[in-house]
Amino acid sequence: MIVSYNKLWHLLIDKKMNKNDLRKASGVSTTTMAKLTKGQSVTTDILLKICKVLDCDFSDIMEIEKSEHI
């Protein structure tokens, strides 16, 4: 299974924000933003900061996608 942050990117568009706006408002590092962009794991604390800025819940910014392994 992998984490997808596609919901986050769509939400940013809806709120007329870009990644840099989110980074500055939430106080997360550029390294963390790069991890999010690549779909890598970040801490719950980071996700909470983002949710606070966007006034949303975890399920509004991320989802788990099942990967198909044969």
PDB file of N, CA and C in Angstrom:
ATOM      1  N   MET A   1       0.833  -1.179   0.000  1.00  0.00           N
ATOM      2  CA  MET A   1       0.000   0.000   0.000  1.00  0.00           C
ATOM      3  C   MET A   1       0.885   1.252   0.000  1.00  0.00           C
ATOM      4  N   ILE A   2       0.391   2.272  -0.659  1.00  0.00           N
ATOM      5  CA  ILE A   2       1.113   3.541  -0.712  1.00  0.00           C
ATOM      6  C   ILE A   2       0.193   4.686  -0.303  1.00  0.00           C
ATOM      7  N   VAL A   3       0.807   5.754   0.132  1.00  0.00           N
ATOM      8  CA  VAL A   3       0.043   6.936   0.522  1.00  0.00           C
ATOM      9  C   VAL A   3      -0.032   7.875  -0.673  1.00  0.00           C
ATOM     10  N   SER A   4      -1.215   8.365  -0.950  1.00  0.00           N
ATOM     11  CA  SER A   4      -1.406   9.337  -2.016  1.00  0.00           C
ATOM     12  C   SER A   4      -1.859  10.657  -1.405  1.00  0.00           C
ATOM     13  N   TYR A   5      -1.203  11.734  -1.821  1.00  0.00           N
ATOM     14  CA  TYR A   5      -1.572  13.071  -1.364  1.00  0.00           C
ATOM     15  C   TYR A   5      -2.284  13.851  -2.467  1.00  0.00           C
ATOM     16  N   ASN A   6      -2.843  13.156  -3.448  1.00  0.00           N
ATOM     17  CA  ASN A   6      -3.542  13.830  -4.539  1.00  0.00           C
ATOM     18  C   ASN A   6      -4.684  14.708  -4.027  1.00  0.00           C
ATOM     19  N   LYS A   7      -5.348  14.261  -2.978  1.00  0.00           N
ATOM     20  CA  LYS A   7      -6.427  15.065  -2.404  1.00  0.00           C
ATOM     21  C   LYS A   7      -5.895  16.401  -1.891  1.00  0.00           C
ATOM     22  N   LEU A   8      -4.697  16.393  -1.348  1.00  0.00           N
ATOM     23  CA  LEU A   8      -4.082  17.626  -0.846  1.00  0.00           C
ATOM     24  C   LEU A   8      -3.863  18.606  -1.987  1.00  0.00           C
ATOM     25  N   TRP A   9      -3.323  18.130  -3.096  1.00  0.00           N
ATOM     26  CA  TRP A   9      -3.035  19.016  -4.229  1.00  0.00           C
ATOM     27  C   TRP A   9      -4.315  19.596  -4.813  1.00  0.00           C
ATOM     28  N   HIS A  10      -5.380  18.795  -4.857  1.00  0.00           N
ATOM     29  CA  HIS A  10      -6.674  19.292  -5.342  1.00  0.00           C
ATOM     30  C   HIS A  10      -7.247  20.332  -4.382  1.00  0.00           C
ATOM     31  N   LEU A  11      -7.095  20.081  -3.087  1.00  0.00           N
ATOM     32  CA  LEU A  11      -7.592  21.015  -2.080  1.00  0.00           C
ATOM     33  C   LEU A  11      -6.853  22.348  -2.172  1.00  0.00           C
ATOM     34  N   LEU A  12      -5.552  22.298  -2.414  1.00  0.00           N
ATOM     35  CA  LEU A  12      -4.790  23.534  -2.577  1.00  0.00           C
ATOM     36  C   LEU A  12      -5.316  24.347  -3.765  1.00  0.00           C
ATOM     37  N   ILE A  13      -5.623  23.675  -4.843  1.00  0.00           N
ATOM     38  CA  ILE A  13      -6.184  24.352  -6.020  1.00  0.00           C
ATOM     39  C   ILE A  13      -7.516  25.003  -5.650  1.00  0.00           C
ATOM     40  N   ASP A  14      -8.368  24.259  -4.954  1.00  0.00           N
ATOM     41  CA  ASP A  14      -9.674  24.784  -4.550  1.00  0.00           C
ATOM     42  C   ASP A  14      -9.535  26.018  -3.660  1.00  0.00           C
ATOM     43  N   LYS A  15      -8.485  26.041  -2.835  1.00  0.00           N
ATOM     44  CA  LYS A  15      -8.265  27.152  -1.908  1.00  0.00           C
ATOM     45  C   LYS A  15      -7.356  28.233  -2.504  1.00  0.00           C
ATOM     46  N   LYS A  16      -7.058  28.080  -3.804  1.00  0.00           N
ATOM     47  CA  LYS A  16      -6.207  29.033  -4.515  1.00  0.00           C
ATOM     48  C   LYS A  16      -4.863  29.246  -3.814  1.00  0.00           C
ATOM     49  N   MET A  17      -4.260  28.126  -3.416  1.00  0.00           N
ATOM     50  CA  MET A  17      -2.940  28.131  -2.779  1.00  0.00           C
ATOM     51  C   MET A  17      -1.988  27.298  -3.610  1.00  0.00           C
ATOM     52  N   ASN A  18      -0.697  27.558  -3.457  1.00  0.00           N
ATOM     53  CA  ASN A  18       0.283  26.670  -4.062  1.00  0.00           C
ATOM     54  C   ASN A  18       1.090  26.003  -2.942  1.00  0.00           C
ATOM     55  N   LYS A  19       2.002  25.141  -3.316  1.00  0.00           N
ATOM     56  CA  LYS A  19       2.779  24.391  -2.318  1.00  0.00           C
ATOM     57  C   LYS A  19       3.612  25.313  -1.441  1.00  0.00           C
ATOM     58  N   ASN A  20       4.136  26.361  -2.021  1.00  0.00           N
ATOM     59  CA  ASN A  20       4.953  27.290  -1.253  1.00  0.00           C
ATOM     60  C   ASN A  20       4.098  28.045  -0.224  1.00  0.00           C
ATOM     61  N   ASP A  21       2.881  28.419  -0.613  1.00  0.00           N
ATOM     62  CA  ASP A  21       1.954  29.067   0.334  1.00  0.00           C
ATOM     63  C   ASP A  21       1.691  28.145   1.517  1.00  0.00           C
ATOM     64  N   LEU A  22       1.441  26.881   1.220  1.00  0.00           N
ATOM     65  CA  LEU A  22       1.163  25.902   2.273  1.00  0.00           C
ATOM     66  C   LEU A  22       2.385  25.722   3.166  1.00  0.00           C
ATOM     67  N   ARG A  23       3.546  25.623   2.562  1.00  0.00           N
ATOM     68  CA  ARG A  23       4.780  25.446   3.326  1.00  0.00           C
ATOM     69  C   ARG A  23       4.981  26.593   4.306  1.00  0.00           C
ATOM     70  N   LYS A  24       4.816  27.806   3.839  1.00  0.00           N
ATOM     71  CA  LYS A  24       5.005  28.971   4.698  1.00  0.00           C
ATOM     72  C   LYS A  24       3.944  29.035   5.803  1.00  0.00           C
ATOM     73  N   ALA A  25       2.685  28.781   5.458  1.00  0.00           N
ATOM     74  CA  ALA A  25       1.599  28.879   6.430  1.00  0.00           C
ATOM     75  C   ALA A  25       1.675  27.799   7.503  1.00  0.00           C
ATOM     76  N   SER A  26       2.153  26.618   7.132  1.00  0.00           N
ATOM     77  CA  SER A  26       2.191  25.497   8.072  1.00  0.00           C
ATOM     78  C   SER A  26       3.524  25.387   8.805  1.00  0.00           C
ATOM     79  N   GLY A  27       4.558  26.018   8.259  1.00  0.00           N
ATOM     80  CA  GLY A  27       5.870  25.959   8.894  1.00  0.00           C
ATOM     81  C   GLY A  27       6.636  24.677   8.623  1.00  0.00           C
ATOM     82  N   VAL A  28       6.224  23.912   7.617  1.00  0.00           N
ATOM     83  CA  VAL A  28       6.955  22.684   7.294  1.00  0.00           C
ATOM     84  C   VAL A  28       8.137  23.023   6.385  1.00  0.00           C
ATOM     85  N   SER A  29       9.109  22.169   6.386  1.00  0.00           N
ATOM     86  CA  SER A  29      10.334  22.423   5.627  1.00  0.00           C
ATOM     87  C   SER A  29      10.160  22.098   4.141  1.00  0.00           C
ATOM     88  N   THR A  30      11.108  22.577   3.353  1.00  0.00           N
ATOM     89  CA  THR A  30      11.093  22.256   1.929  1.00  0.00           C
ATOM     90  C   THR A  30      11.323  20.766   1.715  1.00  0.00           C
ATOM     91  N   THR A  31      12.097  20.145   2.598  1.00  0.00           N
ATOM     92  CA  THR A  31      12.325  18.697   2.522  1.00  0.00           C
ATOM     93  C   THR A  31      11.011  17.938   2.716  1.00  0.00           C
ATOM     94  N   THR A  32      10.223  18.377   3.667  1.00  0.00           N
ATOM     95  CA  THR A  32       8.928  17.732   3.921  1.00  0.00           C
ATOM     96  C   THR A  32       8.004  17.908   2.727  1.00  0.00           C
ATOM     97  N   MET A  33       7.990  19.099   2.144  1.00  0.00           N
ATOM     98  CA  MET A  33       7.148  19.323   0.961  1.00  0.00           C
ATOM     99  C   MET A  33       7.589  18.419  -0.184  1.00  0.00           C
ATOM    100  N   ALA A  34       8.888  18.207  -0.313  1.00  0.00           N
ATOM    101  CA  ALA A  34       9.395  17.309  -1.351  1.00  0.00           C
ATOM    102  C   ALA A  34       8.918  15.882  -1.099  1.00  0.00           C
ATOM    103  N   LYS A  35       8.911  15.460   0.169  1.00  0.00           N
ATOM    104  CA  LYS A  35       8.416  14.125   0.509  1.00  0.00           C
ATOM    105  C   LYS A  35       6.945  13.980   0.145  1.00  0.00           C
ATOM    106  N   LEU A  36       6.166  15.000   0.454  1.00  0.00           N
ATOM    107  CA  LEU A  36       4.741  14.964   0.116  1.00  0.00           C
ATOM    108  C   LEU A  36       4.548  14.871  -1.396  1.00  0.00           C
ATOM    109  N   THR A  37       5.325  15.659  -2.128  1.00  0.00           N
ATOM    110  CA  THR A  37       5.224  15.655  -3.581  1.00  0.00           C
ATOM    111  C   THR A  37       5.554  14.282  -4.159  1.00  0.00           C
ATOM    112  N   LYS A  38       6.504  13.595  -3.535  1.00  0.00           N
ATOM    113  CA  LYS A  38       6.909  12.267  -4.002  1.00  0.00           C
ATOM    114  C   LYS A  38       6.046  11.143  -3.442  1.00  0.00           C
ATOM    115  N   GLY A  39       5.064  11.493  -2.585  1.00  0.00           N
ATOM    116  CA  GLY A  39       4.193  10.471  -2.009  1.00  0.00           C
ATOM    117  C   GLY A  39       4.854   9.663  -0.911  1.00  0.00           C
ATOM    118  N   GLN A  40       5.874  10.235  -0.296  1.00  0.00           N
ATOM    119  CA  GLN A  40       6.568   9.538   0.784  1.00  0.00           C
ATOM    120  C   GLN A  40       5.873   9.813   2.118  1.00  0.00           C
ATOM    121  N   SER A  41       6.208   9.011   3.099  1.00  0.00           N
ATOM    122  CA  SER A  41       5.607   9.152   4.416  1.00  0.00           C
ATOM    123  C   SER A  41       6.145  10.372   5.147  1.00  0.00           C
ATOM    124  N   VAL A  42       5.249  11.021   5.884  1.00  0.00           N
ATOM    125  CA  VAL A  42       5.621  12.116   6.781  1.00  0.00           C
ATOM    126  C   VAL A  42       4.962  11.843   8.127  1.00  0.00           C
ATOM    127  N   THR A  43       5.388  12.555   9.148  1.00  0.00           N
ATOM    128  CA  THR A  43       4.852  12.298  10.481  1.00  0.00           C
ATOM    129  C   THR A  43       3.426  12.820  10.627  1.00  0.00           C
ATOM    130  N   THR A  44       2.756  12.286  11.612  1.00  0.00           N
ATOM    131  CA  THR A  44       1.405  12.729  11.922  1.00  0.00           C
ATOM    132  C   THR A  44       1.404  14.199  12.323  1.00  0.00           C
ATOM    133  N   ASP A  45       2.444  14.638  13.012  1.00  0.00           N
ATOM    134  CA  ASP A  45       2.546  16.047  13.403  1.00  0.00           C
ATOM    135  C   ASP A  45       2.525  16.967  12.184  1.00  0.00           C
ATOM    136  N   ILE A  46       3.207  16.579  11.128  1.00  0.00           N
ATOM    137  CA  ILE A  46       3.224  17.368   9.894  1.00  0.00           C
ATOM    138  C   ILE A  46       1.827  17.414   9.291  1.00  0.00           C
ATOM    139  N   LEU A  47       1.177  16.265   9.248  1.00  0.00           N
ATOM    140  CA  LEU A  47      -0.169  16.213   8.686  1.00  0.00           C
ATOM    141  C   LEU A  47      -1.140  17.070   9.500  1.00  0.00           C
ATOM    142  N   LEU A  48      -0.969  17.079  10.817  1.00  0.00           N
ATOM    143  CA  LEU A  48      -1.807  17.918  11.677  1.00  0.00           C
ATOM    144  C   LEU A  48      -1.601  19.396  11.381  1.00  0.00           C
ATOM    145  N   LYS A  49      -0.355  19.810  11.177  1.00  0.00           N
ATOM    146  CA  LYS A  49      -0.066  21.202  10.847  1.00  0.00           C
ATOM    147  C   LYS A  49      -0.760  21.604   9.548  1.00  0.00           C
ATOM    148  N   ILE A  50      -0.689  20.726   8.561  1.00  0.00           N
ATOM    149  CA  ILE A  50      -1.316  21.001   7.262  1.00  0.00           C
ATOM    150  C   ILE A  50      -2.832  21.073   7.412  1.00  0.00           C
ATOM    151  N   CYS A  51      -3.394  20.133   8.146  1.00  0.00           N
ATOM    152  CA  CYS A  51      -4.849  20.123   8.354  1.00  0.00           C
ATOM    153  C   CYS A  51      -5.315  21.372   9.093  1.00  0.00           C
ATOM    154  N   LYS A  52      -4.519  21.838  10.033  1.00  0.00           N
ATOM    155  CA  LYS A  52      -4.876  23.046  10.779  1.00  0.00           C
ATOM    156  C   LYS A  52      -4.938  24.246   9.839  1.00  0.00           C
ATOM    157  N   VAL A  53      -3.942  24.382   8.979  1.00  0.00           N
ATOM    158  CA  VAL A  53      -3.898  25.498   8.028  1.00  0.00           C
ATOM    159  C   VAL A  53      -5.070  25.427   7.049  1.00  0.00           C
ATOM    160  N   LEU A  54      -5.380  24.224   6.579  1.00  0.00           N
ATOM    161  CA  LEU A  54      -6.420  24.064   5.570  1.00  0.00           C
ATOM    162  C   LEU A  54      -7.814  23.837   6.166  1.00  0.00           C
ATOM    163  N   ASP A  55      -7.880  23.765   7.503  1.00  0.00           N
ATOM    164  CA  ASP A  55      -9.147  23.528   8.208  1.00  0.00           C
ATOM    165  C   ASP A  55      -9.841  22.282   7.661  1.00  0.00           C
ATOM    166  N   CYS A  56      -9.106  21.164   7.748  1.00  0.00           N
ATOM    167  CA  CYS A  56      -9.631  19.910   7.208  1.00  0.00           C
ATOM    168  C   CYS A  56      -9.180  18.737   8.067  1.00  0.00           C
ATOM    169  N   ASP A  57      -9.494  17.530   7.624  1.00  0.00           N
ATOM    170  CA  ASP A  57      -9.148  16.299   8.322  1.00  0.00           C
ATOM    171  C   ASP A  57      -8.160  15.504   7.462  1.00  0.00           C
ATOM    172  N   PHE A  58      -7.533  14.507   8.066  1.00  0.00           N
ATOM    173  CA  PHE A  58      -6.581  13.660   7.334  1.00  0.00           C
ATOM    174  C   PHE A  58      -7.190  13.109   6.038  1.00  0.00           C
ATOM    175  N   SER A  59      -8.416  12.655   6.121  1.00  0.00           N
ATOM    176  CA  SER A  59      -9.054  12.036   4.957  1.00  0.00           C
ATOM    177  C   SER A  59      -9.284  13.032   3.821  1.00  0.00           C
ATOM    178  N   ASP A  60      -9.181  14.331   4.114  1.00  0.00           N
ATOM    179  CA  ASP A  60      -9.341  15.351   3.088  1.00  0.00           C
ATOM    180  C   ASP A  60      -8.054  15.606   2.311  1.00  0.00           C
ATOM    181  N   ILE A  61      -6.915  15.145   2.844  1.00  0.00           N
ATOM    182  CA  ILE A  61      -5.641  15.432   2.185  1.00  0.00           C
ATOM    183  C   ILE A  61      -4.868  14.195   1.753  1.00  0.00           C
ATOM    184  N   MET A  62      -5.286  13.023   2.192  1.00  0.00           N
ATOM    185  CA  MET A  62      -4.532  11.822   1.845  1.00  0.00           C
ATOM    186  C   MET A  62      -5.439  10.601   1.783  1.00  0.00           C
ATOM    187  N   GLU A  63      -4.940   9.576   1.117  1.00  0.00           N
ATOM    188  CA  GLU A  63      -5.635   8.287   1.084  1.00  0.00           C
ATOM    189  C   GLU A  63      -4.608   7.185   0.860  1.00  0.00           C
ATOM    190  N   ILE A  64      -4.985   6.007   1.257  1.00  0.00           N
ATOM    191  CA  ILE A  64      -4.131   4.830   1.078  1.00  0.00           C
ATOM    192  C   ILE A  64      -4.561   4.122  -0.193  1.00  0.00           C
ATOM    193  N   GLU A  65      -3.606   3.882  -1.070  1.00  0.00           N
ATOM    194  CA  GLU A  65      -3.885   3.145  -2.303  1.00  0.00           C
ATOM    195  C   GLU A  65      -3.229   1.782  -2.231  1.00  0.00           C
ATOM    196  N   LYS A  66      -3.986   0.796  -2.533  1.00  0.00           N
ATOM    197  CA  LYS A  66      -3.454  -0.572  -2.529  1.00  0.00           C
ATOM    198  C   LYS A  66      -2.642  -0.775  -3.799  1.00  0.00           C
ATOM    199  N   SER A  67      -1.450  -1.305  -3.615  1.00  0.00           N
ATOM    200  CA  SER A  67      -0.621  -1.622  -4.770  1.00  0.00           C
ATOM    201  C   SER A  67      -0.832  -3.105  -5.094  1.00  0.00           C
ATOM    202  N   GLU A  68      -0.771  -3.400  -6.354  1.00  0.00           N
ATOM    203  CA  GLU A  68      -0.988  -4.780  -6.789  1.00  0.00           C
ATOM    204  C   GLU A  68       0.354  -5.455  -7.005  1.00  0.00           C
ATOM    205  N   HIS A  69       0.674  -6.380  -6.106  1.00  0.00           N
ATOM    206  CA  HIS A  69       1.898  -7.174  -6.246  1.00  0.00           C
ATOM    207  C   HIS A  69       1.504  -8.582  -6.645  1.00  0.00           C
ATOM    208  N   ILE A  70       2.211  -9.105  -7.611  1.00  0.00           N
ATOM    209  CA  ILE A  70       1.900 -10.471  -8.081  1.00  0.00           C
ATOM    210  C   ILE A  70       2.827 -11.440  -7.405  1.00  0.00           C
TER     211      ILE A  70
END
